[in-house]
Amino acid sequence: MTKADLADEIFEKVGLSKKEAQDIIEIIFDTLKQTLKEGESVKVSGFGTFHVRKKSARRGRNPKTGQDLEITPRKVISFRASNKLKLLIEK
């Protein structure tokens, strides 16, 4: 599913124009991105929670060459599904 598909769903179910639906989708995703960029978690009730985690530097290995290398510290986004979403997917 793409953002355009989400906008089409809003258009069909709510009755907003396609342009308004696309604007709403863009606002939602821009807000999510900005909140995550600031290091805060985003919880969507009944869906799940997005977290920003810090990963420290560690030793790694290039799988092609087998050469050892240093993996730099970084931030990653993780998602934890809510129990409602987990139950829905299991059905």
PDB file of N, CA and C in Angstrom:
ATOM      1  N   MET A   1       0.848  -1.174   0.000  1.00  0.00           N
ATOM      2  CA  MET A   1       0.000   0.000   0.000  1.00  0.00           C
ATOM      3  C   MET A   1       0.893   1.236   0.000  1.00  0.00           C
ATOM      4  N   THR A   2       0.516   2.213  -0.783  1.00  0.00           N
ATOM      5  CA  THR A   2       1.283   3.450  -0.897  1.00  0.00           C
ATOM      6  C   THR A   2       0.505   4.612  -0.271  1.00  0.00           C
ATOM      7  N   LYS A   3       1.158   5.770  -0.201  1.00  0.00           N
ATOM      8  CA  LYS A   3       0.466   6.953   0.308  1.00  0.00           C
ATOM      9  C   LYS A   3      -0.716   7.313  -0.589  1.00  0.00           C
ATOM     10  N   ALA A   4      -0.567   7.089  -1.884  1.00  0.00           N
ATOM     11  CA  ALA A   4      -1.672   7.365  -2.813  1.00  0.00           C
ATOM     12  C   ALA A   4      -2.852   6.443  -2.527  1.00  0.00           C
ATOM     13  N   ASP A   5      -2.571   5.182  -2.204  1.00  0.00           N
ATOM     14  CA  ASP A   5      -3.639   4.249  -1.853  1.00  0.00           C
ATOM     15  C   ASP A   5      -4.354   4.692  -0.578  1.00  0.00           C
ATOM     16  N   LEU A   6      -3.584   5.159   0.404  1.00  0.00           N
ATOM     17  CA  LEU A   6      -4.185   5.674   1.638  1.00  0.00           C
ATOM     18  C   LEU A   6      -5.076   6.878   1.343  1.00  0.00           C
ATOM     19  N   ALA A   7      -4.607   7.766   0.499  1.00  0.00           N
ATOM     20  CA  ALA A   7      -5.398   8.945   0.129  1.00  0.00           C
ATOM     21  C   ALA A   7      -6.689   8.527  -0.571  1.00  0.00           C
ATOM     22  N   ASP A   8      -6.624   7.511  -1.431  1.00  0.00           N
ATOM     23  CA  ASP A   8      -7.820   7.014  -2.106  1.00  0.00           C
ATOM     24  C   ASP A   8      -8.823   6.449  -1.107  1.00  0.00           C
ATOM     25  N   GLU A   9      -8.334   5.741  -0.075  1.00  0.00           N
ATOM     26  CA  GLU A   9      -9.213   5.199   0.965  1.00  0.00           C
ATOM     27  C   GLU A   9      -9.921   6.332   1.704  1.00  0.00           C
ATOM     28  N   ILE A  10      -9.180   7.392   2.042  1.00  0.00           N
ATOM     29  CA  ILE A  10      -9.783   8.543   2.718  1.00  0.00           C
ATOM     30  C   ILE A  10     -10.812   9.197   1.804  1.00  0.00           C
ATOM     31  N   PHE A  11     -10.479   9.327   0.529  1.00  0.00           N
ATOM     32  CA  PHE A  11     -11.389   9.920  -0.444  1.00  0.00           C
ATOM     33  C   PHE A  11     -12.696   9.133  -0.505  1.00  0.00           C
ATOM     34  N   GLU A  12     -12.603   7.800  -0.557  1.00  0.00           N
ATOM     35  CA  GLU A  12     -13.792   6.966  -0.688  1.00  0.00           C
ATOM     36  C   GLU A  12     -14.615   6.902   0.596  1.00  0.00           C
ATOM     37  N   LYS A  13     -13.939   6.801   1.751  1.00  0.00           N
ATOM     38  CA  LYS A  13     -14.659   6.576   3.004  1.00  0.00           C
ATOM     39  C   LYS A  13     -15.118   7.853   3.701  1.00  0.00           C
ATOM     40  N   VAL A  14     -14.345   8.935   3.567  1.00  0.00           N
ATOM     41  CA  VAL A  14     -14.677  10.160   4.281  1.00  0.00           C
ATOM     42  C   VAL A  14     -15.360  11.168   3.370  1.00  0.00           C
ATOM     43  N   GLY A  15     -15.007  11.138   2.103  1.00  0.00           N
ATOM     44  CA  GLY A  15     -15.643  12.051   1.164  1.00  0.00           C
ATOM     45  C   GLY A  15     -14.873  13.335   0.925  1.00  0.00           C
ATOM     46  N   LEU A  16     -13.650  13.421   1.455  1.00  0.00           N
ATOM     47  CA  LEU A  16     -12.828  14.585   1.152  1.00  0.00           C
ATOM     48  C   LEU A  16     -12.335  14.494  -0.281  1.00  0.00           C
ATOM     49  N   SER A  17     -11.907  15.623  -0.831  1.00  0.00           N
ATOM     50  CA  SER A  17     -11.347  15.581  -2.182  1.00  0.00           C
ATOM     51  C   SER A  17     -10.020  14.829  -2.142  1.00  0.00           C
ATOM     52  N   LYS A  18      -9.596  14.359  -3.303  1.00  0.00           N
ATOM     53  CA  LYS A  18      -8.329  13.622  -3.344  1.00  0.00           C
ATOM     54  C   LYS A  18      -7.164  14.513  -2.924  1.00  0.00           C
ATOM     55  N   LYS A  19      -7.204  15.764  -3.285  1.00  0.00           N
ATOM     56  CA  LYS A  19      -6.137  16.700  -2.914  1.00  0.00           C
ATOM     57  C   LYS A  19      -6.097  16.886  -1.399  1.00  0.00           C
ATOM     58  N   GLU A  20      -7.263  17.051  -0.773  1.00  0.00           N
ATOM     59  CA  GLU A  20      -7.317  17.206   0.681  1.00  0.00           C
ATOM     60  C   GLU A  20      -6.830  15.935   1.379  1.00  0.00           C
ATOM     61  N   ALA A  21      -7.208  14.786   0.854  1.00  0.00           N
ATOM     62  CA  ALA A  21      -6.778  13.507   1.431  1.00  0.00           C
ATOM     63  C   ALA A  21      -5.261  13.370   1.335  1.00  0.00           C
ATOM     64  N   GLN A  22      -4.687  13.734   0.194  1.00  0.00           N
ATOM     65  CA  GLN A  22      -3.230  13.669   0.031  1.00  0.00           C
ATOM     66  C   GLN A  22      -2.534  14.632   0.985  1.00  0.00           C
ATOM     67  N   ASP A  23      -3.110  15.821   1.163  1.00  0.00           N
ATOM     68  CA  ASP A  23      -2.528  16.801   2.087  1.00  0.00           C
ATOM     69  C   ASP A  23      -2.536  16.274   3.522  1.00  0.00           C
ATOM     70  N   ILE A  24      -3.624  15.619   3.913  1.00  0.00           N
ATOM     71  CA  ILE A  24      -3.722  15.056   5.263  1.00  0.00           C
ATOM     72  C   ILE A  24      -2.662  13.979   5.457  1.00  0.00           C
ATOM     73  N   ILE A  25      -2.511  13.094   4.488  1.00  0.00           N
ATOM     74  CA  ILE A  25      -1.509  12.031   4.566  1.00  0.00           C
ATOM     75  C   ILE A  25      -0.109  12.642   4.694  1.00  0.00           C
ATOM     76  N   GLU A  26       0.201  13.648   3.900  1.00  0.00           N
ATOM     77  CA  GLU A  26       1.511  14.304   3.956  1.00  0.00           C
ATOM     78  C   GLU A  26       1.743  14.946   5.317  1.00  0.00           C
ATOM     79  N   ILE A  27       0.724  15.607   5.867  1.00  0.00           N
ATOM     80  CA  ILE A  27       0.854  16.236   7.181  1.00  0.00           C
ATOM     81  C   ILE A  27       1.134  15.186   8.253  1.00  0.00           C
ATOM     82  N   ILE A  28       0.416  14.074   8.209  1.00  0.00           N
ATOM     83  CA  ILE A  28       0.606  13.003   9.192  1.00  0.00           C
ATOM     84  C   ILE A  28       2.031  12.463   9.124  1.00  0.00           C
ATOM     85  N   PHE A  29       2.491  12.134   7.920  1.00  0.00           N
ATOM     86  CA  PHE A  29       3.831  11.559   7.792  1.00  0.00           C
ATOM     87  C   PHE A  29       4.922  12.572   8.109  1.00  0.00           C
ATOM     88  N   ASP A  30       4.729  13.836   7.756  1.00  0.00           N
ATOM     89  CA  ASP A  30       5.715  14.865   8.106  1.00  0.00           C
ATOM     90  C   ASP A  30       5.813  15.025   9.619  1.00  0.00           C
ATOM     91  N   THR A  31       4.667  14.964  10.299  1.00  0.00           N
ATOM     92  CA  THR A  31       4.651  15.063  11.761  1.00  0.00           C
ATOM     93  C   THR A  31       5.344  13.859  12.388  1.00  0.00           C
ATOM     94  N   LEU A  32       5.076  12.660  11.863  1.00  0.00           N
ATOM     95  CA  LEU A  32       5.748  11.452  12.359  1.00  0.00           C
ATOM     96  C   LEU A  32       7.258  11.564  12.182  1.00  0.00           C
ATOM     97  N   LYS A  33       7.686  11.984  11.005  1.00  0.00           N
ATOM     98  CA  LYS A  33       9.118  12.106  10.729  1.00  0.00           C
ATOM     99  C   LYS A  33       9.785  13.116  11.655  1.00  0.00           C
ATOM    100  N   GLN A  34       9.142  14.263  11.849  1.00  0.00           N
ATOM    101  CA  GLN A  34       9.722  15.300  12.695  1.00  0.00           C
ATOM    102  C   GLN A  34       9.813  14.822  14.147  1.00  0.00           C
ATOM    103  N   THR A  35       8.783  14.143  14.627  1.00  0.00           N
ATOM    104  CA  THR A  35       8.782  13.642  15.998  1.00  0.00           C
ATOM    105  C   THR A  35       9.888  12.612  16.191  1.00  0.00           C
ATOM    106  N   LEU A  36      10.051  11.699  15.241  1.00  0.00           N
ATOM    107  CA  LEU A  36      11.117  10.701  15.329  1.00  0.00           C
ATOM    108  C   LEU A  36      12.496  11.343  15.217  1.00  0.00           C
ATOM    109  N   LYS A  37      12.609  12.361  14.382  1.00  0.00           N
ATOM    110  CA  LYS A  37      13.879  13.077  14.228  1.00  0.00           C
ATOM    111  C   LYS A  37      14.306  13.707  15.547  1.00  0.00           C
ATOM    112  N   GLU A  38      13.339  14.157  16.334  1.00  0.00           N
ATOM    113  CA  GLU A  38      13.620  14.766  17.630  1.00  0.00           C
ATOM    114  C   GLU A  38      13.922  13.720  18.701  1.00  0.00           C
ATOM    115  N   GLY A  39      13.853  12.439  18.336  1.00  0.00           N
ATOM    116  CA  GLY A  39      14.197  11.372  19.265  1.00  0.00           C
ATOM    117  C   GLY A  39      13.046  10.886  20.122  1.00  0.00           C
ATOM    118  N   GLU A  40      11.842  11.340  19.842  1.00  0.00           N
ATOM    119  CA  GLU A  40      10.679  10.930  20.621  1.00  0.00           C
ATOM    120  C   GLU A  40      10.019   9.704  19.993  1.00  0.00           C
ATOM    121  N   SER A  41       9.292   8.964  20.815  1.00  0.00           N
ATOM    122  CA  SER A  41       8.537   7.819  20.317  1.00  0.00           C
ATOM    123  C   SER A  41       7.190   8.285  19.779  1.00  0.00           C
ATOM    124  N   VAL A  42       6.642   7.504  18.849  1.00  0.00           N
ATOM    125  CA  VAL A  42       5.322   7.780  18.298  1.00  0.00           C
ATOM    126  C   VAL A  42       4.451   6.559  18.554  1.00  0.00           C
ATOM    127  N   LYS A  43       3.383   6.751  19.331  1.00  0.00           N
ATOM    128  CA  LYS A  43       2.478   5.650  19.641  1.00  0.00           C
ATOM    129  C   LYS A  43       1.162   5.879  18.912  1.00  0.00           C
ATOM    130  N   VAL A  44       0.766   4.885  18.124  1.00  0.00           N
ATOM    131  CA  VAL A  44      -0.507   4.920  17.424  1.00  0.00           C
ATOM    132  C   VAL A  44      -1.372   3.849  18.077  1.00  0.00           C
ATOM    133  N   SER A  45      -2.348   4.287  18.843  1.00  0.00           N
ATOM    134  CA  SER A  45      -3.179   3.375  19.617  1.00  0.00           C
ATOM    135  C   SER A  45      -3.826   2.322  18.719  1.00  0.00           C
ATOM    136  N   GLY A  46      -3.717   1.071  19.125  1.00  0.00           N
ATOM    137  CA  GLY A  46      -4.299  -0.024  18.353  1.00  0.00           C
ATOM    138  C   GLY A  46      -3.448  -0.462  17.177  1.00  0.00           C
ATOM    139  N   PHE A  47      -2.334   0.212  16.948  1.00  0.00           N
ATOM    140  CA  PHE A  47      -1.460  -0.131  15.827  1.00  0.00           C
ATOM    141  C   PHE A  47      -0.071  -0.515  16.310  1.00  0.00           C
ATOM    142  N   GLY A  48       0.593   0.408  17.021  1.00  0.00           N
ATOM    143  CA  GLY A  48       1.925   0.107  17.519  1.00  0.00           C
ATOM    144  C   GLY A  48       2.691   1.356  17.876  1.00  0.00           C
ATOM    145  N   THR A  49       3.963   1.167  18.221  1.00  0.00           N
ATOM    146  CA  THR A  49       4.820   2.268  18.647  1.00  0.00           C
ATOM    147  C   THR A  49       6.127   2.252  17.857  1.00  0.00           C
ATOM    148  N   PHE A  50       6.511   3.428  17.383  1.00  0.00           N
ATOM    149  CA  PHE A  50       7.793   3.616  16.713  1.00  0.00           C
ATOM    150  C   PHE A  50       8.758   4.211  17.734  1.00  0.00           C
ATOM    151  N   HIS A  51       9.948   3.636  17.852  1.00  0.00           N
ATOM    152  CA  HIS A  51      10.979   4.105  18.776  1.00  0.00           C
ATOM    153  C   HIS A  51      12.246   4.437  17.995  1.00  0.00           C
ATOM    154  N   VAL A  52      12.975   5.433  18.480  1.00  0.00           N
ATOM    155  CA  VAL A  52      14.309   5.717  17.955  1.00  0.00           C
ATOM    156  C   VAL A  52      15.291   5.122  18.954  1.00  0.00           C
ATOM    157  N   ARG A  53      16.130   4.220  18.484  1.00  0.00           N
ATOM    158  CA  ARG A  53      17.127   3.578  19.348  1.00  0.00           C
ATOM    159  C   ARG A  53      18.522   3.992  18.912  1.00  0.00           C
ATOM    160  N   LYS A  54      19.411   4.106  19.876  1.00  0.00           N
ATOM    161  CA  LYS A  54      20.810   4.398  19.566  1.00  0.00           C
ATOM    162  C   LYS A  54      21.575   3.079  19.592  1.00  0.00           C
ATOM    163  N   LYS A  55      22.308   2.812  18.533  1.00  0.00           N
ATOM    164  CA  LYS A  55      23.167   1.633  18.476  1.00  0.00           C
ATOM    165  C   LYS A  55      24.610   2.109  18.617  1.00  0.00           C
ATOM    166  N   SER A  56      25.322   1.487  19.502  1.00  0.00           N
ATOM    167  CA  SER A  56      26.709   1.894  19.721  1.00  0.00           C
ATOM    168  C   SER A  56      27.617   1.273  18.655  1.00  0.00           C
ATOM    169  N   ALA A  57      28.834   1.771  18.609  1.00  0.00           N
ATOM    170  CA  ALA A  57      29.827   1.239  17.666  1.00  0.00           C
ATOM    171  C   ALA A  57      30.104  -0.217  18.015  1.00  0.00           C
ATOM    172  N   ARG A  58      30.387  -1.008  16.999  1.00  0.00           N
ATOM    173  CA  ARG A  58      30.676  -2.421  17.237  1.00  0.00           C
ATOM    174  C   ARG A  58      31.540  -2.966  16.120  1.00  0.00           C
ATOM    175  N   ARG A  59      32.105  -4.115  16.380  1.00  0.00           N
ATOM    176  CA  ARG A  59      32.932  -4.792  15.385  1.00  0.00           C
ATOM    177  C   ARG A  59      32.009  -5.565  14.447  1.00  0.00           C
ATOM    178  N   GLY A  60      32.355  -5.566  13.195  1.00  0.00           N
ATOM    179  CA  GLY A  60      31.587  -6.301  12.200  1.00  0.00           C
ATOM    180  C   GLY A  60      32.518  -6.946  11.200  1.00  0.00           C
ATOM    181  N   ARG A  61      31.923  -7.611  10.230  1.00  0.00           N
ATOM    182  CA  ARG A  61      32.729  -8.266   9.214  1.00  0.00           C
ATOM    183  C   ARG A  61      32.029  -8.131   7.868  1.00  0.00           C
ATOM    184  N   ASN A  62      32.801  -7.810   6.844  1.00  0.00           N
ATOM    185  CA  ASN A  62      32.288  -7.754   5.491  1.00  0.00           C
ATOM    186  C   ASN A  62      32.022  -9.195   5.039  1.00  0.00           C
ATOM    187  N   PRO A  63      30.768  -9.543   4.730  1.00  0.00           N
ATOM    188  CA  PRO A  63      30.473 -10.933   4.370  1.00  0.00           C
ATOM    189  C   PRO A  63      31.131 -11.387   3.058  1.00  0.00           C
ATOM    190  N   LYS A  64      31.418 -10.442   2.167  1.00  0.00           N
ATOM    191  CA  LYS A  64      32.062 -10.810   0.902  1.00  0.00           C
ATOM    192  C   LYS A  64      33.534 -11.153   1.085  1.00  0.00           C
ATOM    193  N   THR A  65      34.230 -10.258   1.799  1.00  0.00           N
ATOM    194  CA  THR A  65      35.682 -10.416   1.908  1.00  0.00           C
ATOM    195  C   THR A  65      36.115 -11.060   3.216  1.00  0.00           C
ATOM    196  N   GLY A  66      35.241 -11.062   4.221  1.00  0.00           N
ATOM    197  CA  GLY A  66      35.605 -11.591   5.526  1.00  0.00           C
ATOM    198  C   GLY A  66      36.447 -10.631   6.341  1.00  0.00           C
ATOM    199  N   GLN A  67      36.681  -9.430   5.827  1.00  0.00           N
ATOM    200  CA  GLN A  67      37.516  -8.442   6.491  1.00  0.00           C
ATOM    201  C   GLN A  67      36.778  -7.832   7.686  1.00  0.00           C
ATOM    202  N   ASP A  68      37.473  -7.724   8.834  1.00  0.00           N
ATOM    203  CA  ASP A  68      36.898  -7.077  10.010  1.00  0.00           C
ATOM    204  C   ASP A  68      36.812  -5.579   9.777  1.00  0.00           C
ATOM    205  N   LEU A  69      35.756  -4.965  10.330  1.00  0.00           N
ATOM    206  CA  LEU A  69      35.599  -3.524  10.218  1.00  0.00           C
ATOM    207  C   LEU A  69      34.842  -2.994  11.422  1.00  0.00           C
ATOM    208  N   GLU A  70      34.884  -1.687  11.594  1.00  0.00           N
ATOM    209  CA  GLU A  70      34.202  -1.023  12.697  1.00  0.00           C
ATOM    210  C   GLU A  70      32.888  -0.453  12.163  1.00  0.00           C
ATOM    211  N   ILE A  71      31.770  -0.846  12.784  1.00  0.00           N
ATOM    212  CA  ILE A  71      30.465  -0.298  12.419  1.00  0.00           C
ATOM    213  C   ILE A  71      30.242   0.921  13.315  1.00  0.00           C
ATOM    214  N   THR A  72      29.983   2.062  12.697  1.00  0.00           N
ATOM    215  CA  THR A  72      29.867   3.320  13.431  1.00  0.00           C
ATOM    216  C   THR A  72      28.578   3.372  14.246  1.00  0.00           C
ATOM    217  N   PRO A  73      28.561   4.183  15.306  1.00  0.00           N
ATOM    218  CA  PRO A  73      27.321   4.344  16.073  1.00  0.00           C
ATOM    219  C   PRO A  73      26.271   5.029  15.210  1.00  0.00           C
ATOM    220  N   ARG A  74      25.015   4.708  15.452  1.00  0.00           N
ATOM    221  CA  ARG A  74      23.937   5.283  14.641  1.00  0.00           C
ATOM    222  C   ARG A  74      22.617   5.177  15.381  1.00  0.00           C
ATOM    223  N   LYS A  75      21.619   5.824  14.827  1.00  0.00           N
ATOM    224  CA  LYS A  75      20.259   5.747  15.343  1.00  0.00           C
ATOM    225  C   LYS A  75      19.428   4.943  14.349  1.00  0.00           C
ATOM    226  N   VAL A  76      18.552   4.101  14.884  1.00  0.00           N
ATOM    227  CA  VAL A  76      17.667   3.312  14.036  1.00  0.00           C
ATOM    228  C   VAL A  76      16.237   3.433  14.565  1.00  0.00           C
ATOM    229  N   ILE A  77      15.292   3.225  13.682  1.00  0.00           N
ATOM    230  CA  ILE A  77      13.884   3.249  14.070  1.00  0.00           C
ATOM    231  C   ILE A  77      13.413   1.812  14.202  1.00  0.00           C
ATOM    232  N   SER A  78      12.761   1.526  15.316  1.00  0.00           N
ATOM    233  CA  SER A  78      12.189   0.200  15.492  1.00  0.00           C
ATOM    234  C   SER A  78      10.687   0.357  15.700  1.00  0.00           C
ATOM    235  N   PHE A  79       9.962  -0.685  15.366  1.00  0.00           N
ATOM    236  CA  PHE A  79       8.502  -0.681  15.493  1.00  0.00           C
ATOM    237  C   PHE A  79       8.082  -1.868  16.329  1.00  0.00           C
ATOM    238  N   ARG A  80       7.211  -1.611  17.274  1.00  0.00           N
ATOM    239  CA  ARG A  80       6.648  -2.687  18.081  1.00  0.00           C
ATOM    240  C   ARG A  80       5.135  -2.662  17.884  1.00  0.00           C
ATOM    241  N   ALA A  81       4.605  -3.732  17.337  1.00  0.00           N
ATOM    242  CA  ALA A  81       3.176  -3.816  17.061  1.00  0.00           C
ATOM    243  C   ALA A  81       2.386  -3.935  18.355  1.00  0.00           C
ATOM    244  N   SER A  82       1.184  -3.355  18.352  1.00  0.00           N
ATOM    245  CA  SER A  82       0.313  -3.473  19.520  1.00  0.00           C
ATOM    246  C   SER A  82      -0.269  -4.883  19.579  1.00  0.00           C
ATOM    247  N   ASN A  83      -0.782  -5.241  20.736  1.00  0.00           N
ATOM    248  CA  ASN A  83      -1.405  -6.560  20.873  1.00  0.00           C
ATOM    249  C   ASN A  83      -2.601  -6.717  19.945  1.00  0.00           C
ATOM    250  N   LYS A  84      -3.376  -5.639  19.756  1.00  0.00           N
ATOM    251  CA  LYS A  84      -4.532  -5.701  18.847  1.00  0.00           C
ATOM    252  C   LYS A  84      -4.086  -6.027  17.427  1.00  0.00           C
ATOM    253  N   LEU A  85      -3.010  -5.393  16.975  1.00  0.00           N
ATOM    254  CA  LEU A  85      -2.506  -5.644  15.622  1.00  0.00           C
ATOM    255  C   LEU A  85      -1.969  -7.061  15.504  1.00  0.00           C
ATOM    256  N   LYS A  86      -1.264  -7.515  16.533  1.00  0.00           N
ATOM    257  CA  LYS A  86      -0.737  -8.887  16.521  1.00  0.00           C
ATOM    258  C   LYS A  86      -1.865  -9.907  16.418  1.00  0.00           C
ATOM    259  N   LEU A  87      -2.930  -9.707  17.198  1.00  0.00           N
ATOM    260  CA  LEU A  87      -4.064 -10.634  17.165  1.00  0.00           C
ATOM    261  C   LEU A  87      -4.757 -10.611  15.803  1.00  0.00           C
ATOM    262  N   LEU A  88      -4.881  -9.422  15.214  1.00  0.00           N
ATOM    263  CA  LEU A  88      -5.516  -9.290  13.905  1.00  0.00           C
ATOM    264  C   LEU A  88      -4.721 -10.021  12.826  1.00  0.00           C
ATOM    265  N   ILE A  89      -3.403  -9.924  12.888  1.00  0.00           N
ATOM    266  CA  ILE A  89      -2.549 -10.566  11.899  1.00  0.00           C
ATOM    267  C   ILE A  89      -2.563 -12.077  12.058  1.00  0.00           C
ATOM    268  N   GLU A  90      -2.670 -12.563  13.304  1.00  0.00           N
ATOM    269  CA  GLU A  90      -2.669 -13.997  13.551  1.00  0.00           C
ATOM    270  C   GLU A  90      -3.913 -14.688  13.005  1.00  0.00           C
ATOM    271  N   LYS A  91      -5.014 -13.985  12.870  1.00  0.00           N
ATOM    272  CA  LYS A  91      -6.258 -14.596  12.398  1.00  0.00           C
ATOM    273  C   LYS A  91      -6.199 -14.968  10.944  1.00  0.00           C
TER     274      LYS A  91
END
